[in-house]
């Protein structure tokens, strides 16, 4: 796994945990932070890797 993949998975998993905690404790700030982290992980999907030099 590349470091970018690990970052994306960590952001997505952390976002899901925060979203779930926001729903469980009825905390809007946690819920929106979780949504934002999942959105950032989704946007990183479209980030192009730098070209390798030969």
N, C-alpha and C. Protein backbone atom coordinates (compact mmCIF):
# COMPACT_ATOMS: atom_id res chain seq x y z
N UNK A 1 0.85 -1.19 0.00
CA UNK A 1 0.00 0.00 0.00
C UNK A 1 0.88 1.24 0.00
N UNK A 2 0.50 2.18 -0.80
CA UNK A 2 1.26 3.43 -0.82
C UNK A 2 0.82 4.31 0.35
N UNK A 3 1.63 5.31 0.62
CA UNK A 3 1.30 6.21 1.73
C UNK A 3 0.02 7.00 1.42
N UNK A 4 -0.21 7.31 0.15
CA UNK A 4 -1.44 8.01 -0.21
C UNK A 4 -2.67 7.17 0.08
N UNK A 5 -2.58 5.88 -0.18
CA UNK A 5 -3.70 4.99 0.10
C UNK A 5 -3.98 4.92 1.59
N UNK A 6 -2.92 4.85 2.37
CA UNK A 6 -3.07 4.81 3.83
C UNK A 6 -3.72 6.10 4.33
N UNK A 7 -3.32 7.23 3.79
CA UNK A 7 -3.90 8.52 4.19
C UNK A 7 -5.39 8.56 3.84
N UNK A 8 -5.73 8.12 2.63
CA UNK A 8 -7.13 8.13 2.22
C UNK A 8 -7.98 7.21 3.09
N UNK A 9 -7.48 6.03 3.37
CA UNK A 9 -8.23 5.09 4.22
C UNK A 9 -8.38 5.61 5.64
N UNK A 10 -7.32 6.23 6.16
CA UNK A 10 -7.37 6.78 7.51
C UNK A 10 -8.39 7.92 7.60
N UNK A 11 -8.39 8.79 6.60
CA UNK A 11 -9.36 9.89 6.58
C UNK A 11 -10.79 9.37 6.48
N UNK A 12 -11.00 8.40 5.61
CA UNK A 12 -12.35 7.86 5.43
C UNK A 12 -12.82 7.14 6.70
N UNK A 13 -11.97 6.34 7.29
CA UNK A 13 -12.35 5.60 8.49
C UNK A 13 -12.57 6.55 9.67
N UNK A 14 -11.68 7.53 9.81
CA UNK A 14 -11.86 8.53 10.87
C UNK A 14 -13.13 9.33 10.68
N UNK A 15 -13.44 9.66 9.43
CA UNK A 15 -14.67 10.38 9.15
C UNK A 15 -15.90 9.58 9.49
N UNK A 16 -15.87 8.28 9.18
CA UNK A 16 -17.02 7.43 9.52
C UNK A 16 -17.19 7.30 11.03
N UNK A 17 -16.07 7.20 11.75
CA UNK A 17 -16.15 7.11 13.22
C UNK A 17 -16.72 8.40 13.80
N UNK A 18 -16.23 9.54 13.31
CA UNK A 18 -16.75 10.82 13.81
C UNK A 18 -18.22 11.02 13.45
N UNK A 19 -18.59 10.61 12.25
CA UNK A 19 -19.97 10.73 11.83
C UNK A 19 -20.87 9.88 12.72
N UNK A 20 -20.44 8.65 12.98
CA UNK A 20 -21.21 7.77 13.85
C UNK A 20 -21.31 8.32 15.27
N UNK A 21 -20.21 8.87 15.77
CA UNK A 21 -20.23 9.46 17.12
C UNK A 21 -21.15 10.69 17.14
N UNK A 22 -21.15 11.45 16.07
CA UNK A 22 -22.03 12.62 15.99
C UNK A 22 -23.49 12.24 16.01
N UNK A 23 -23.83 11.15 15.35
CA UNK A 23 -25.21 10.68 15.38
C UNK A 23 -25.55 10.12 16.76
N UNK A 24 -24.63 9.33 17.32
CA UNK A 24 -24.88 8.68 18.62
C UNK A 24 -25.08 9.70 19.73
N UNK A 25 -24.24 10.75 19.76
CA UNK A 25 -24.29 11.74 20.82
C UNK A 25 -25.05 13.00 20.43
N UNK A 26 -25.66 12.98 19.26
CA UNK A 26 -26.43 14.11 18.74
C UNK A 26 -25.61 15.41 18.76
N UNK A 27 -24.38 15.29 18.22
CA UNK A 27 -23.45 16.43 18.17
C UNK A 27 -23.24 16.81 16.70
N UNK A 28 -23.79 17.95 16.34
CA UNK A 28 -23.69 18.40 14.95
C UNK A 28 -22.25 18.63 14.51
N UNK A 29 -21.41 19.16 15.39
CA UNK A 29 -20.02 19.45 15.02
C UNK A 29 -19.27 18.16 14.66
N UNK A 30 -19.46 17.11 15.42
CA UNK A 30 -18.82 15.83 15.10
C UNK A 30 -19.34 15.27 13.79
N UNK A 31 -20.64 15.38 13.60
CA UNK A 31 -21.24 14.86 12.37
C UNK A 31 -20.69 15.57 11.14
N UNK A 32 -20.63 16.88 11.17
CA UNK A 32 -20.13 17.64 10.02
C UNK A 32 -18.63 17.46 9.82
N UNK A 33 -17.88 17.29 10.90
CA UNK A 33 -16.45 17.01 10.77
C UNK A 33 -16.24 15.65 10.11
N UNK A 34 -17.04 14.68 10.48
CA UNK A 34 -16.96 13.37 9.85
C UNK A 34 -17.29 13.42 8.37
N UNK A 35 -18.32 14.17 8.02
CA UNK A 35 -18.68 14.33 6.61
C UNK A 35 -17.54 15.01 5.84
N UNK A 36 -16.93 16.00 6.45
CA UNK A 36 -15.82 16.71 5.80
C UNK A 36 -14.63 15.79 5.57
N UNK A 37 -14.31 14.95 6.55
CA UNK A 37 -13.18 14.03 6.38
C UNK A 37 -13.43 13.01 5.28
N UNK A 38 -14.63 12.49 5.20
CA UNK A 38 -14.96 11.56 4.13
C UNK A 38 -14.92 12.27 2.77
N UNK A 39 -15.35 13.52 2.72
CA UNK A 39 -15.30 14.28 1.47
C UNK A 39 -13.86 14.52 1.04
N UNK A 40 -12.98 14.82 1.98
CA UNK A 40 -11.56 15.03 1.65
C UNK A 40 -10.95 13.73 1.13
N UNK A 41 -11.27 12.61 1.77
CA UNK A 41 -10.77 11.32 1.30
C UNK A 41 -11.28 11.03 -0.11
N UNK A 42 -12.52 11.38 -0.38
CA UNK A 42 -13.08 11.16 -1.72
C UNK A 42 -12.38 12.06 -2.74
N UNK A 43 -12.11 13.32 -2.38
CA UNK A 43 -11.43 14.23 -3.30
C UNK A 43 -10.00 13.79 -3.57
N UNK A 44 -9.33 13.21 -2.60
CA UNK A 44 -7.97 12.72 -2.80
C UNK A 44 -7.92 11.59 -3.83
N UNK A 45 -9.05 10.98 -4.07
CA UNK A 45 -9.12 9.92 -5.08
C UNK A 45 -8.77 10.47 -6.47
N UNK A 46 -9.06 11.72 -6.70
CA UNK A 46 -8.84 12.32 -8.01
C UNK A 46 -7.50 13.04 -8.12
N UNK A 47 -6.72 13.03 -7.05
CA UNK A 47 -5.42 13.68 -7.05
C UNK A 47 -4.43 12.80 -7.78
N UNK A 48 -3.81 13.33 -8.81
CA UNK A 48 -2.89 12.56 -9.63
C UNK A 48 -1.55 12.38 -8.91
N UNK A 49 -1.01 11.20 -9.05
CA UNK A 49 0.31 10.92 -8.50
C UNK A 49 1.36 11.63 -9.36
N UNK A 50 2.42 12.11 -8.73
CA UNK A 50 3.47 12.75 -9.54
C UNK A 50 4.12 11.73 -10.48
N UNK A 51 4.50 12.20 -11.64
CA UNK A 51 5.13 11.32 -12.63
C UNK A 51 6.50 10.89 -12.14
N UNK A 52 6.79 9.60 -12.30
CA UNK A 52 8.09 9.09 -11.89
C UNK A 52 9.13 9.41 -12.95
N UNK A 53 10.30 9.84 -12.49
CA UNK A 53 11.37 10.15 -13.44
C UNK A 53 12.15 8.88 -13.73
N UNK A 54 12.48 8.68 -15.00
CA UNK A 54 13.22 7.47 -15.39
C UNK A 54 14.69 7.72 -15.44
